[in-house]
Amino acid sequence: MDLPRIFTIRESSHRIHNPLTPAKLAALGEALHLPPGTQVLDLASGSGEMLCTWARDHAITGTGVDISTVFTEQARARARELGVADRVEFVHGDASGHVADQPVDVVACLGATWIGNGFAGTAELLSRSLRPGGLMLIGEPYWRRTPPDEDTAKACHAAVDDFHELPDLIGKFQDLGHDVVEMVLADQDSWDRYAAAQWLNLRRWLDRNPDDEMAPEVREELTSEPARYARSTREYLGWGVFALMKR
């Protein structure tokens, strides 16, 4: 049980596996006014940057669950680096269907709503671990503007109907019975930092592993992705974290 290898090659240097910068992740933590001791469950927690930095900055406690052995080990190392290994733990496992033993104050899934087959199913999954009155954090793409055709959407690794424009996405959360109480959105610069760092990772991996069986796949991605990203994802696709509270 693990992520395909290409993911860990592509994002090997990333501490945040989505288009939030460290400053935006910190802004989200500050905006939520988390009291010390807040219990957080982070599903698909990646390299653990949210839990680790919030444990350092806000004295939260928490558990992260992620399917990647590489990212889980990076998360544990980050917790030790920041001196918060006594406050947060990271579990290697499939976040799909994971429910906390006891309800927690905050549940999160930032950028991996495939664990619930979309944001609606993910919201339902997260709600199973959330105490009454708690906060749910969902990271989800949206269209900055709707692509004019399916070919343009495909260049964003999506179909036109996969995502909504921002006002409509907020409306969908409300239709599920949640109040949207906060949001932090990626911008084009933070998208650039997320995407362009992948290209450097790919190139450095290729330089170290020219004879690896994955080298042709990595070379193809490195050749095609920068122009594709600049033409499509950067122009059409937004991304944000939305804080929700059940009505």
Protein backbone atom coordinates (compact mmCIF):
# COMPACT_ATOMS: atom_id res chain seq x y z
CA MET A 1 0.00 0.00 0.00
CA ASP A 2 1.78 3.11 -1.22
CA LEU A 3 1.65 5.99 -3.68
CA PRO A 4 2.96 5.37 -7.19
CA ARG A 5 6.66 6.13 -7.28
CA ILE A 6 6.29 9.07 -9.68
CA PHE A 7 4.53 11.07 -6.94
CA THR A 8 7.44 10.83 -4.53
CA ILE A 9 9.93 11.62 -7.29
CA ARG A 10 7.92 14.64 -8.44
CA GLU A 11 7.43 16.09 -4.94
CA SER A 12 10.54 14.80 -3.19
CA SER A 13 11.56 18.23 -1.87
CA HIS A 14 8.03 19.42 -1.04
CA ARG A 15 6.98 19.90 2.54
CA ILE A 16 3.50 20.97 1.41
CA HIS A 17 1.92 18.78 -1.26
CA ASN A 18 -0.54 21.36 -2.54
CA PRO A 19 -0.35 24.94 -3.85
CA LEU A 20 -0.26 26.63 -0.44
CA THR A 21 2.97 28.36 0.47
CA PRO A 22 4.29 28.15 4.04
CA ALA A 23 3.01 31.70 4.58
CA LYS A 24 -0.48 30.77 3.44
CA LEU A 25 -0.49 27.63 5.58
CA ALA A 26 0.54 29.75 8.55
CA ALA A 27 -2.16 32.30 7.71
CA LEU A 28 -4.75 29.52 7.76
CA GLY A 29 -3.63 28.39 11.21
CA GLU A 30 -3.75 31.94 12.52
CA ALA A 31 -7.17 32.61 10.99
CA LEU A 32 -8.72 29.61 12.76
CA HIS A 33 -7.72 30.87 16.25
CA LEU A 34 -6.93 27.37 17.49
CA PRO A 35 -6.61 27.19 21.28
CA PRO A 36 -3.73 25.18 22.77
CA GLY A 37 -4.56 21.49 22.98
CA THR A 38 -6.85 21.50 19.91
CA GLN A 39 -7.03 17.95 18.58
CA VAL A 40 -6.57 17.65 14.80
CA LEU A 41 -6.96 14.67 12.47
CA ASP A 42 -5.35 15.19 9.05
CA LEU A 43 -6.28 12.61 6.41
CA ALA A 44 -3.82 12.28 3.51
CA SER A 45 -1.38 14.28 5.62
CA GLY A 46 1.58 14.04 3.23
CA SER A 47 4.84 15.20 4.77
CA GLY A 48 3.04 16.54 7.82
CA GLU A 49 3.81 20.23 7.52
CA MET A 50 0.40 21.42 8.68
CA LEU A 51 0.34 19.36 11.87
CA CYS A 52 4.00 19.95 12.67
CA THR A 53 4.01 23.73 12.23
CA TRP A 54 0.66 24.17 13.96
CA ALA A 55 1.89 22.05 16.87
CA ARG A 56 4.90 24.38 17.09
CA ASP A 57 2.98 27.63 16.59
CA HIS A 58 -0.38 26.89 18.24
CA ALA A 59 0.33 23.93 20.57
CA ILE A 60 -2.22 21.70 18.85
CA THR A 61 -2.02 17.92 19.07
CA GLY A 62 -2.84 15.63 16.19
CA THR A 63 -2.62 12.56 14.04
CA GLY A 64 -1.85 12.36 10.34
CA VAL A 65 -2.69 9.40 8.12
CA ASP A 66 -1.09 8.96 4.71
CA ILE A 67 -0.67 6.15 2.21
CA SER A 68 2.89 7.11 1.26
CA THR A 69 5.68 5.46 3.24
CA VAL A 70 8.12 8.12 2.01
CA PHE A 71 5.95 11.07 3.02
CA THR A 72 5.06 9.48 6.37
CA GLU A 73 8.73 9.11 7.24
CA GLN A 74 9.35 12.71 6.15
CA ALA A 75 6.50 13.81 8.45
CA ARG A 76 7.98 11.98 11.42
CA ALA A 77 11.38 13.51 10.71
CA ARG A 78 9.81 16.97 10.50
CA ALA A 79 8.09 16.46 13.85
CA ARG A 80 11.44 15.58 15.42
CA GLU A 81 13.11 18.55 13.71
CA LEU A 82 10.55 21.00 15.12
CA GLY A 83 10.50 19.36 18.54
CA VAL A 84 6.83 18.38 18.41
CA ALA A 85 7.06 14.58 18.14
CA ASP A 86 5.36 14.34 21.53
CA ARG A 87 2.32 16.24 20.20
CA VAL A 88 1.76 14.78 16.73
CA GLU A 89 1.98 11.28 15.31
CA PHE A 90 1.93 10.02 11.75
CA VAL A 91 0.42 6.73 10.67
CA HIS A 92 1.12 4.95 7.41
CA GLY A 93 -2.27 3.83 6.13
CA ASP A 94 -5.11 4.36 3.70
CA ALA A 95 -6.99 7.49 4.73
CA SER A 96 -10.06 6.32 2.80
CA GLY A 97 -12.54 5.25 5.45
CA HIS A 98 -10.32 6.25 8.38
CA VAL A 99 -12.32 7.37 11.43
CA ALA A 100 -10.84 8.57 14.72
CA ASP A 101 -11.38 6.46 17.82
CA GLN A 102 -12.69 9.57 19.59
CA PRO A 103 -14.17 12.74 18.03
CA VAL A 104 -11.66 15.53 17.48
CA ASP A 105 -11.86 19.32 17.24
CA VAL A 106 -10.60 19.70 13.66
CA VAL A 107 -10.60 17.23 10.77
CA ALA A 108 -8.80 18.00 7.53
CA CYS A 109 -8.19 16.71 4.04
CA LEU A 110 -6.16 19.20 2.03
CA GLY A 111 -6.07 18.28 -1.62
CA ALA A 112 -6.91 14.58 -1.57
CA THR A 113 -10.70 14.41 -1.77
CA TRP A 114 -10.30 11.27 -3.85
CA ILE A 115 -10.34 9.51 -0.44
CA GLY A 116 -14.09 10.13 -0.40
CA ASN A 117 -14.70 10.02 -4.15
CA GLY A 118 -15.03 13.81 -4.24
CA PHE A 119 -15.56 16.64 -1.79
CA ALA A 120 -19.10 15.59 -0.83
CA GLY A 121 -18.03 12.07 0.14
CA THR A 122 -14.93 13.43 1.84
CA ALA A 123 -17.02 15.84 3.91
CA GLU A 124 -19.18 12.90 5.00
CA LEU A 125 -16.08 10.87 5.89
CA LEU A 126 -14.52 13.71 7.85
CA SER A 127 -17.75 14.34 9.75
CA ARG A 128 -17.50 10.87 11.31
CA SER A 129 -14.42 11.97 13.27
CA LEU A 130 -15.60 15.48 14.18
CA ARG A 131 -17.04 16.54 17.49
CA PRO A 132 -20.24 18.65 17.42
CA GLY A 133 -19.31 22.25 16.69
CA GLY A 134 -15.89 21.30 15.33
CA LEU A 135 -14.14 22.55 12.22
CA MET A 136 -13.75 20.69 8.94
CA LEU A 137 -10.99 21.74 6.51
CA ILE A 138 -11.22 20.69 2.87
CA GLY A 139 -8.68 21.61 0.22
CA GLU A 140 -10.26 21.51 -3.23
CA PRO A 141 -9.61 22.78 -6.77
CA TYR A 142 -12.00 25.14 -8.50
CA TRP A 143 -12.07 26.83 -11.88
CA ARG A 144 -10.69 30.36 -11.85
CA ARG A 145 -12.73 30.56 -15.01
CA THR A 146 -14.46 27.65 -16.70
CA PRO A 147 -12.42 26.20 -19.57
CA PRO A 148 -13.99 26.85 -22.97
CA ASP A 149 -13.84 23.20 -24.04
CA GLU A 150 -12.92 19.71 -22.88
CA ASP A 151 -9.49 19.84 -24.50
CA THR A 152 -8.56 22.81 -22.34
CA ALA A 153 -9.89 21.08 -19.24
CA LYS A 154 -8.00 17.90 -20.17
CA ALA A 155 -4.80 19.94 -20.28
CA CYS A 156 -5.55 20.71 -16.61
CA HIS A 157 -5.85 16.93 -15.97
CA ALA A 158 -9.60 17.32 -15.55
CA ALA A 159 -12.94 17.45 -17.30
CA VAL A 160 -15.04 20.62 -17.37
CA ASP A 161 -17.60 19.06 -15.02
CA ASP A 162 -14.99 17.96 -12.47
CA PHE A 163 -14.80 21.35 -10.77
CA HIS A 164 -16.90 24.46 -10.14
CA GLU A 165 -16.13 28.14 -10.18
CA LEU A 166 -15.46 29.52 -6.70
CA PRO A 167 -18.94 30.92 -5.89
CA ASP A 168 -20.54 27.67 -7.04
CA LEU A 169 -18.13 25.54 -4.98
CA ILE A 170 -18.99 27.56 -1.89
CA GLY A 171 -22.67 27.03 -2.74
CA LYS A 172 -22.09 23.27 -3.00
CA PHE A 173 -20.58 23.21 0.50
CA GLN A 174 -23.61 25.12 1.75
CA ASP A 175 -25.93 22.67 0.00
CA LEU A 176 -24.27 19.90 2.01
CA GLY A 177 -25.41 21.62 5.20
CA HIS A 178 -22.20 23.47 6.11
CA ASP A 179 -21.41 27.11 6.79
CA VAL A 180 -18.23 28.27 5.09
CA VAL A 181 -16.51 30.15 7.91
CA GLU A 182 -13.01 30.77 6.50
CA MET A 183 -10.94 30.19 3.39
CA VAL A 184 -7.36 30.60 2.23
CA LEU A 185 -6.80 30.48 -1.53
CA ALA A 186 -3.73 29.72 -3.59
CA ASP A 187 -2.76 32.37 -6.13
CA GLN A 188 -0.76 32.09 -9.30
CA ASP A 189 2.51 32.69 -7.50
CA SER A 190 1.87 29.94 -4.95
CA TRP A 191 0.82 27.63 -7.80
CA ASP A 192 4.15 28.49 -9.47
CA ARG A 193 6.09 27.56 -6.35
CA TYR A 194 4.28 24.22 -6.11
CA ALA A 195 4.51 23.29 -9.79
CA ALA A 196 7.95 24.62 -10.68
CA ALA A 197 9.55 22.90 -7.71
CA GLN A 198 8.38 19.63 -9.24
CA TRP A 199 10.35 20.31 -12.41
CA LEU A 200 13.57 20.83 -10.48
CA ASN A 201 12.92 17.61 -8.55
CA LEU A 202 12.37 15.72 -11.80
CA ARG A 203 15.55 17.08 -13.38
CA ARG A 204 17.72 16.36 -10.37
CA TRP A 205 16.30 12.85 -10.12
CA LEU A 206 17.07 12.27 -13.80
CA ASP A 207 20.64 13.47 -13.34
CA ARG A 208 21.09 10.99 -10.50
CA ASN A 209 19.21 8.09 -12.12
CA PRO A 210 19.72 8.18 -15.90
CA ASP A 211 19.44 4.41 -16.27
CA ASP A 212 16.43 3.87 -14.01
CA GLU A 213 13.44 2.15 -15.61
CA MET A 214 11.34 5.23 -14.87
CA ALA A 215 13.74 7.64 -16.56
CA PRO A 216 11.76 7.82 -19.87
CA GLU A 217 8.53 8.62 -17.99
CA VAL A 218 10.23 11.27 -15.90
CA ARG A 219 11.92 12.78 -18.97
CA GLU A 220 8.58 12.98 -20.81
CA GLU A 221 6.94 14.73 -17.87
CA LEU A 222 9.78 17.20 -17.46
CA THR A 223 9.65 18.01 -21.19
CA SER A 224 5.89 18.51 -21.40
CA GLU A 225 4.81 19.86 -18.01
CA PRO A 226 6.22 23.41 -17.89
CA ALA A 227 4.46 24.58 -21.07
CA ARG A 228 1.29 22.64 -20.26
CA TYR A 229 1.16 24.19 -16.80
CA ALA A 230 1.76 27.73 -18.10
CA ARG A 231 -0.86 27.33 -20.82
CA SER A 232 -3.58 25.62 -18.79
CA THR A 233 -3.37 24.95 -15.06
CA ARG A 234 -1.93 28.37 -14.24
CA GLU A 235 -4.64 30.16 -16.16
CA TYR A 236 -7.72 28.12 -15.34
CA LEU A 237 -7.33 26.15 -12.11
CA GLY A 238 -7.65 27.61 -8.63
CA TRP A 239 -7.21 25.86 -5.31
CA GLY A 240 -8.16 26.67 -1.75
CA VAL A 241 -8.74 25.41 1.75
CA PHE A 242 -12.27 25.93 3.04
CA ALA A 243 -13.18 25.81 6.73
CA LEU A 244 -16.67 24.40 7.27
CA MET A 245 -18.97 24.04 10.25
CA LYS A 246 -22.05 21.83 10.24
CA ARG A 247 -25.32 23.70 10.65
